[in-house]
C-alpha atoms as a PDB file:
ATOM      1  CA  MET A   1       2.435  11.242  16.541  1.00  0.00           C
ATOM      2  CA  LYS A   2       4.958  11.038  13.722  1.00  0.00           C
ATOM      3  CA  ASP A   3       8.080   9.991  15.574  1.00  0.00           C
ATOM      4  CA  SER A   4       9.480   7.281  13.214  1.00  0.00           C
ATOM      5  CA  VAL A   5      11.800   6.594  10.319  1.00  0.00           C
ATOM      6  CA  ILE A   6      10.916   3.291   8.277  1.00  0.00           C
ATOM      7  CA  VAL A   7      13.372   1.474   6.330  1.00  0.00           C
ATOM      8  CA  LEU A   8      11.218   0.935   3.152  1.00  0.00           C
ATOM      9  CA  SER A   9      12.422  -1.583   0.522  1.00  0.00           C
ATOM     10  CA  GLY A  10       9.547  -1.027  -1.775  1.00  0.00           C
ATOM     11  CA  GLY A  11       8.619  -4.814  -1.181  1.00  0.00           C
ATOM     12  CA  MET A  12       5.362  -5.864   0.125  1.00  0.00           C
ATOM     13  CA  ASP A  13       6.258  -6.434   3.875  1.00  0.00           C
ATOM     14  CA  SER A  14       7.735  -2.828   4.221  1.00  0.00           C
ATOM     15  CA  VAL A  15       5.050  -1.344   2.152  1.00  0.00           C
ATOM     16  CA  THR A  16       2.337  -2.841   4.395  1.00  0.00           C
ATOM     17  CA  LEU A  17       4.143  -1.474   7.329  1.00  0.00           C
ATOM     18  CA  LEU A  18       4.243   1.983   5.872  1.00  0.00           C
ATOM     19  CA  HIS A  19       0.477   1.919   5.273  1.00  0.00           C
ATOM     20  CA  ASP A  20      -0.238   0.219   8.674  1.00  0.00           C
ATOM     21  CA  TYR A  21       1.848   2.736  10.714  1.00  0.00           C
ATOM     22  CA  VAL A  22       1.721   5.739   8.592  1.00  0.00           C
ATOM     23  CA  ASP A  23       0.328   8.028  11.335  1.00  0.00           C
ATOM     24  CA  SER A  24       3.573   7.331  13.168  1.00  0.00           C
ATOM     25  CA  ILE A  25       5.980   7.641  10.203  1.00  0.00           C
ATOM     26  CA  SER A  26       7.843  10.997   9.568  1.00  0.00           C
ATOM     27  CA  LEU A  27      10.258   9.590   7.078  1.00  0.00           C
ATOM     28  CA  ALA A  28      10.931   6.611   4.722  1.00  0.00           C
ATOM     29  CA  VAL A  29      14.451   5.807   3.718  1.00  0.00           C
ATOM     30  CA  THR A  30      15.400   3.332   0.805  1.00  0.00           C
ATOM     31  CA  PHE A  31      18.853   2.130   0.341  1.00  0.00           C
ATOM     32  CA  ASP A  32      20.295   1.609  -3.289  1.00  0.00           C
ATOM     33  CA  TYR A  33      22.898  -0.899  -2.369  1.00  0.00           C
ATOM     34  CA  GLY A  34      23.411  -2.610  -5.811  1.00  0.00           C
ATOM     35  CA  SER A  35      20.873  -5.263  -5.885  1.00  0.00           C
ATOM     36  CA  ARG A  36      19.403  -6.562  -9.081  1.00  0.00           C
ATOM     37  CA  HIS A  37      15.872  -5.486  -8.002  1.00  0.00           C
ATOM     38  CA  ASN A  38      16.696  -2.093  -6.383  1.00  0.00           C
ATOM     39  CA  ALA A  39      15.445   0.153  -9.265  1.00  0.00           C
ATOM     40  CA  ARG A  40      12.359  -1.546  -9.303  1.00  0.00           C
ATOM     41  CA  GLU A  41      11.723  -1.640  -5.625  1.00  0.00           C
ATOM     42  CA  ILE A  42      12.759   1.999  -5.175  1.00  0.00           C
ATOM     43  CA  GLU A  43      10.142   3.073  -7.803  1.00  0.00           C
ATOM     44  CA  CYS A  44       7.497   1.112  -5.620  1.00  0.00           C
ATOM     45  CA  ALA A  45       8.680   2.771  -2.476  1.00  0.00           C
ATOM     46  CA  ARG A  46       8.546   6.224  -3.879  1.00  0.00           C
ATOM     47  CA  LYS A  47       5.047   5.736  -5.281  1.00  0.00           C
ATOM     48  CA  ASN A  48       3.735   4.555  -2.030  1.00  0.00           C
ATOM     49  CA  CYS A  49       5.361   7.484  -0.259  1.00  0.00           C
ATOM     50  CA  GLU A  50       3.891   9.831  -2.643  1.00  0.00           C
ATOM     51  CA  ILE A  51       0.257   8.440  -2.302  1.00  0.00           C
ATOM     52  CA  LEU A  52       0.545   8.591   1.461  1.00  0.00           C
ATOM     53  CA  GLY A  53       2.446  12.218   1.670  1.00  0.00           C
ATOM     54  CA  VAL A  54       5.383  10.597   3.546  1.00  0.00           C
ATOM     55  CA  GLU A  55       8.756  12.042   2.769  1.00  0.00           C
ATOM     56  CA  HIS A  56      11.138   9.725   1.024  1.00  0.00           C
ATOM     57  CA  LEU A  57      14.925   9.528   0.952  1.00  0.00           C
ATOM     58  CA  VAL A  58      17.095   7.344  -1.218  1.00  0.00           C
ATOM     59  CA  ILE A  59      20.423   6.824   0.054  1.00  0.00           C
ATOM     60  CA  PRO A  60      23.087   5.050  -2.033  1.00  0.00           C
ATOM     61  CA  LEU A  61      25.450   2.417  -0.299  1.00  0.00           C
ATOM     62  CA  ASP A  62      27.586   1.694  -3.557  1.00  0.00           C
ATOM     63  CA  PHE A  63      30.261  -0.006  -1.353  1.00  0.00           C
ATOM     64  CA  MET A  64      27.954  -2.956  -0.737  1.00  0.00           C
ATOM     65  CA  GLY A  65      27.575  -3.761  -4.384  1.00  0.00           C
ATOM     66  CA  LYS A  66      31.343  -3.437  -5.045  1.00  0.00           C
ATOM     67  CA  TYR A  67      32.702  -5.227  -1.927  1.00  0.00           C
ATOM     68  CA  PHE A  68      30.295  -7.661  -0.563  1.00  0.00           C
ATOM     69  CA  LYS A  69      29.370 -11.096  -1.927  1.00  0.00           C
ATOM     70  CA  SER A  70      25.945 -12.275  -2.567  1.00  0.00           C
ATOM     71  CA  SER A  71      23.917 -13.449  -5.370  1.00  0.00           C
ATOM     72  CA  LEU A  72      21.474 -10.778  -4.776  1.00  0.00           C
ATOM     73  CA  LEU A  73      23.939  -8.311  -6.145  1.00  0.00           C
ATOM     74  CA  ILE A  74      24.446  -7.103  -9.634  1.00  0.00           C
ATOM     75  CA  GLY A  75      27.542  -9.021 -10.896  1.00  0.00           C
ATOM     76  CA  GLY A  76      26.934 -11.752  -8.314  1.00  0.00           C
ATOM     77  CA  GLU A  77      26.347 -15.473  -9.030  1.00  0.00           C
ATOM     78  CA  GLU A  78      22.871 -16.561 -10.565  1.00  0.00           C
ATOM     79  CA  ILE A  79      19.832 -16.078  -8.418  1.00  0.00           C
ATOM     80  CA  PRO A  80      18.840 -19.586  -7.322  1.00  0.00           C
ATOM     81  CA  GLU A  81      15.248 -20.785  -7.628  1.00  0.00           C
ATOM     82  CA  GLY A  82      13.122 -22.727  -5.117  1.00  0.00           C
ATOM     83  CA  HIS A  83      11.742 -22.199  -1.599  1.00  0.00           C
ATOM     84  CA  TYR A  84      13.428 -20.273   1.161  1.00  0.00           C
ATOM     85  CA  SER A  85      13.841 -23.541   2.962  1.00  0.00           C
ATOM     86  CA  ASP A  86      16.409 -24.727   0.274  1.00  0.00           C
ATOM     87  CA  GLU A  87      19.993 -24.617   1.067  1.00  0.00           C
ATOM     88  CA  ASN A  88      20.872 -22.839  -1.997  1.00  0.00           C
ATOM     89  CA  MET A  89      18.907 -19.556  -0.818  1.00  0.00           C
ATOM     90  CA  LYS A  90      21.758 -18.903   1.415  1.00  0.00           C
ATOM     91  CA  SER A  91      23.538 -17.211  -1.472  1.00  0.00           C
ATOM     92  CA  THR A  92      20.973 -14.454  -1.577  1.00  0.00           C
ATOM     93  CA  VAL A  93      22.251 -13.150   1.983  1.00  0.00           C
ATOM     94  CA  VAL A  94      23.838  -9.737   1.756  1.00  0.00           C
ATOM     95  CA  PRO A  95      26.319  -9.816   4.690  1.00  0.00           C
ATOM     96  CA  PHE A  96      24.934  -7.731   7.617  1.00  0.00           C
ATOM     97  CA  ARG A  97      22.587  -5.655   5.507  1.00  0.00           C
ATOM     98  CA  ASN A  98      20.168  -4.927   7.898  1.00  0.00           C
ATOM     99  CA  GLY A  99      22.840  -3.839  10.737  1.00  0.00           C
ATOM    100  CA  ILE A 100      24.177  -1.428   8.231  1.00  0.00           C
ATOM    101  CA  MET A 101      20.923   0.037   7.000  1.00  0.00           C
ATOM    102  CA  LEU A 102      19.600   0.259  10.728  1.00  0.00           C
ATOM    103  CA  SER A 103      22.584   2.174  11.824  1.00  0.00           C
ATOM    104  CA  ILE A 104      22.124   4.737   9.098  1.00  0.00           C
ATOM    105  CA  ALA A 105      18.519   4.806   9.688  1.00  0.00           C
ATOM    106  CA  ALA A 106      19.190   5.551  13.470  1.00  0.00           C
ATOM    107  CA  GLY A 107      21.520   8.218  12.645  1.00  0.00           C
ATOM    108  CA  LEU A 108      18.541   9.696  10.596  1.00  0.00           C
ATOM    109  CA  ALA A 109      16.150   9.375  13.468  1.00  0.00           C
ATOM    110  CA  GLU A 110      18.441  11.142  15.854  1.00  0.00           C
ATOM    111  CA  SER A 111      19.456  13.930  13.402  1.00  0.00           C
ATOM    112  CA  ARG A 112      15.663  14.666  12.960  1.00  0.00           C
ATOM    113  CA  GLY A 113      14.454  13.989  16.782  1.00  0.00           C
ATOM    114  CA  LEU A 114      12.789  10.970  15.945  1.00  0.00           C
ATOM    115  CA  LYS A 115      12.458   8.062  18.484  1.00  0.00           C
ATOM    116  CA  ASN A 116      12.014   4.931  16.471  1.00  0.00           C
ATOM    117  CA  VAL A 117      13.368   3.021  13.406  1.00  0.00           C
ATOM    118  CA  MET A 118      10.913   0.818  12.003  1.00  0.00           C
ATOM    119  CA  LEU A 119      11.809  -2.361  10.088  1.00  0.00           C
ATOM    120  CA  ALA A 120       9.424  -4.934   8.331  1.00  0.00           C
ATOM    121  CA  ASN A 121      11.092  -8.255   9.059  1.00  0.00           C
ATOM    122  CA  HIS A 122       8.826 -11.231   9.819  1.00  0.00           C
ATOM    123  CA  SER A 123       8.912 -14.923  10.944  1.00  0.00           C
ATOM    124  CA  GLY A 124       9.718 -16.275   7.357  1.00  0.00           C
ATOM    125  CA  ASP A 125      12.911 -14.352   7.188  1.00  0.00           C
ATOM    126  CA  HIS A 126      14.199 -15.916  10.451  1.00  0.00           C
ATOM    127  CA  ALA A 127      15.669 -19.227   9.148  1.00  0.00           C
ATOM    128  CA  ILE A 128      17.866 -17.554   6.270  1.00  0.00           C
ATOM    129  CA  TYR A 129      18.635 -14.043   7.412  1.00  0.00           C
ATOM    130  CA  PRO A 130      20.596 -13.936  10.441  1.00  0.00           C
ATOM    131  CA  ASP A 131      19.909  -9.961  10.623  1.00  0.00           C
ATOM    132  CA  CYS A 132      16.153 -10.498  10.739  1.00  0.00           C
ATOM    133  CA  ARG A 133      15.837 -12.812  13.751  1.00  0.00           C
ATOM    134  CA  PRO A 134      14.612 -11.696  16.954  1.00  0.00           C
ATOM    135  CA  GLY A 135      17.677 -11.890  18.843  1.00  0.00           C
ATOM    136  CA  PHE A 136      19.498  -9.647  16.344  1.00  0.00           C
ATOM    137  CA  ILE A 137      16.620  -7.152  16.296  1.00  0.00           C
ATOM    138  CA  ASP A 138      16.722  -7.048  20.216  1.00  0.00           C
ATOM    139  CA  ALA A 139      20.493  -6.627  20.367  1.00  0.00           C
ATOM    140  CA  MET A 140      20.725  -4.146  17.632  1.00  0.00           C
ATOM    141  CA  SER A 141      17.909  -2.111  19.294  1.00  0.00           C
ATOM    142  CA  LEU A 142      19.821  -2.201  22.536  1.00  0.00           C
ATOM    143  CA  ALA A 143      23.001  -1.115  20.800  1.00  0.00           C
ATOM    144  CA  ILE A 144      21.186   1.815  18.991  1.00  0.00           C
ATOM    145  CA  GLU A 145      19.383   2.930  22.300  1.00  0.00           C
ATOM    146  CA  HIS A 146      22.573   3.011  23.959  1.00  0.00           C
ATOM    147  CA  GLY A 147      24.518   4.730  21.149  1.00  0.00           C
ATOM    148  CA  THR A 148      21.933   7.583  20.680  1.00  0.00           C
ATOM    149  CA  TYR A 149      21.210  10.602  23.204  1.00  0.00           C
ATOM    150  CA  ASP A 150      17.666  10.167  22.969  1.00  0.00           C
ATOM    151  CA  GLY A 151      17.501   6.561  23.098  1.00  0.00           C
ATOM    152  CA  VAL A 152      16.255   5.623  19.592  1.00  0.00           C
ATOM    153  CA  LYS A 153      14.671   2.296  19.412  1.00  0.00           C
ATOM    154  CA  ILE A 154      13.933  -0.477  16.564  1.00  0.00           C
ATOM    155  CA  VAL A 155      10.356  -1.241  16.073  1.00  0.00           C
ATOM    156  CA  ALA A 156       9.599  -4.295  14.355  1.00  0.00           C
ATOM    157  CA  PRO A 157       5.962  -5.345  14.829  1.00  0.00           C
ATOM    158  CA  TYR A 158       5.978  -8.090  12.326  1.00  0.00           C
ATOM    159  CA  THR A 159       8.869 -10.222  13.772  1.00  0.00           C
ATOM    160  CA  GLY A 160       6.789 -12.898  15.221  1.00  0.00           C
ATOM    161  CA  ILE A 161       4.041 -13.166  12.247  1.00  0.00           C
ATOM    162  CA  SER A 162       4.340 -14.699   8.699  1.00  0.00           C
ATOM    163  CA  LYS A 163       4.164 -13.083   5.300  1.00  0.00           C
ATOM    164  CA  SER A 164       0.901 -14.560   4.959  1.00  0.00           C
ATOM    165  CA  ASP A 165      -0.270 -12.580   8.067  1.00  0.00           C
ATOM    166  CA  ILE A 166       1.216  -9.322   6.609  1.00  0.00           C
ATOM    167  CA  ALA A 167      -0.682  -9.964   3.308  1.00  0.00           C
ATOM    168  CA  ARG A 168      -3.847 -10.257   5.469  1.00  0.00           C
ATOM    169  CA  ILE A 169      -3.157  -6.989   7.226  1.00  0.00           C
ATOM    170  CA  GLY A 170      -2.521  -5.265   4.006  1.00  0.00           C
ATOM    171  CA  LYS A 171      -5.794  -6.604   2.580  1.00  0.00           C
ATOM    172  CA  LYS A 172      -7.742  -5.216   5.540  1.00  0.00           C
ATOM    173  CA  ILE A 173      -6.283  -1.584   5.298  1.00  0.00           C
ATOM    174  CA  GLY A 174      -6.415  -1.392   1.419  1.00  0.00           C
ATOM    175  CA  VAL A 175      -2.812  -2.022   0.337  1.00  0.00           C
ATOM    176  CA  ASP A 176      -2.500  -1.997  -3.312  1.00  0.00           C
ATOM    177  CA  TYR A 177       0.174  -5.125  -3.889  1.00  0.00           C
ATOM    178  CA  ARG A 178       0.489  -4.064  -7.549  1.00  0.00           C
ATOM    179  CA  LEU A 179       2.560  -1.190  -6.218  1.00  0.00           C
ATOM    180  CA  THR A 180       5.185  -3.457  -4.684  1.00  0.00           C
ATOM    181  CA  TYR A 181       7.945  -5.442  -6.161  1.00  0.00           C
ATOM    182  CA  SER A 182       9.812  -8.411  -4.633  1.00  0.00           C
ATOM    183  CA  CYS A 183      11.690 -10.585  -7.382  1.00  0.00           C
ATOM    184  CA  TYR A 184      15.302 -11.005  -6.823  1.00  0.00           C
ATOM    185  CA  LYS A 185      16.046 -11.241 -10.557  1.00  0.00           C
ATOM    186  CA  GLY A 186      14.699  -7.693 -11.065  1.00  0.00           C
ATOM    187  CA  GLY A 187      12.889  -8.221 -14.269  1.00  0.00           C
ATOM    188  CA  GLU A 188       9.939  -6.480 -15.679  1.00  0.00           C
ATOM    189  CA  LYS A 189       7.594  -8.933 -13.919  1.00  0.00           C
ATOM    190  CA  HIS A 190       8.113 -11.293 -11.022  1.00  0.00           C
ATOM    191  CA  CYS A 191       9.630 -14.516 -12.338  1.00  0.00           C
ATOM    192  CA  GLY A 192       7.542 -16.529 -10.080  1.00  0.00           C
ATOM    193  CA  LYS A 193      10.530 -18.906  -9.270  1.00  0.00           C
ATOM    194  CA  CYS A 194      13.102 -17.322  -6.768  1.00  0.00           C
ATOM    195  CA  GLY A 195      12.635 -17.563  -3.108  1.00  0.00           C
ATOM    196  CA  THR A 196      11.052 -14.149  -2.576  1.00  0.00           C
ATOM    197  CA  CYS A 197       8.510 -14.833  -5.512  1.00  0.00           C
ATOM    198  CA  VAL A 198       7.530 -18.108  -4.216  1.00  0.00           C
ATOM    199  CA  GLU A 199       7.065 -16.707  -0.770  1.00  0.00           C
ATOM    200  CA  ARG A 200       5.014 -13.633  -2.229  1.00  0.00           C
ATOM    201  CA  MET A 201       2.656 -15.814  -4.193  1.00  0.00           C
ATOM    202  CA  GLU A 202       1.815 -18.070  -1.198  1.00  0.00           C
ATOM    203  CA  ALA A 203       1.099 -15.119   1.034  1.00  0.00           C
ATOM    204  CA  LEU A 204      -0.996 -13.531  -1.559  1.00  0.00           C
ATOM    205  CA  ARG A 205      -2.780 -16.797  -2.057  1.00  0.00           C
ATOM    206  CA  ASP A 206      -3.285 -17.335   1.746  1.00  0.00           C
ATOM    207  CA  ALA A 207      -4.599 -13.822   2.065  1.00  0.00           C
ATOM    208  CA  GLY A 208      -6.918 -14.210  -0.927  1.00  0.00           C
ATOM    209  CA  ILE A 209      -5.663 -11.424  -2.933  1.00  0.00           C
ATOM    210  CA  GLU A 210      -5.372 -11.924  -6.801  1.00  0.00           C
ATOM    211  CA  ILE A 211      -3.078  -9.640  -8.812  1.00  0.00           C
ATOM    212  CA  ASP A 212      -1.192 -10.077 -11.934  1.00  0.00           C
ATOM    213  CA  ASP A 213       2.305  -9.918 -11.185  1.00  0.00           C
END
């Protein structure tokens, strides 16, 4: 039953979730919030929805790029390089990003009579991103459930697994990771040095997937 809306960035995690749960997904929504890599990600999200025949919306959130502080945003400080465990990676946090996006997705879900909002957060996100942690997801889901007539819920099936586990799922179901983009710098190719690039390379390696990024 197609009863869900998915928050789809165009990165490997959300694209895997899209393919993994396509039979449950009625709508995919991508948010253009002013990040350096938004344009590349949006194109990947569009391509995957086109392949799967899933309706795709792109919603602009210009105010985040204008008023929020993060190195991830256009005009912010330089993107740090290294692993997510490094202290400097905290500069890539966009304040309450998932809270804002989930709220909008919940409104879309209720407007369309859908029951769930799907999100592809995973265990590797928890240390650095507060709005990816299980406690936040549980609390936000409860708030959304109480704040909607039909009791819309968040479904986040990857919360307890790693990015490598996600890549293994993707490999099993045939996700083409060449149609995903994750680099925080937003260049033509993945830089291979920023936190999300490092994590992506590790996950693809662990899953035995070889692609030219």
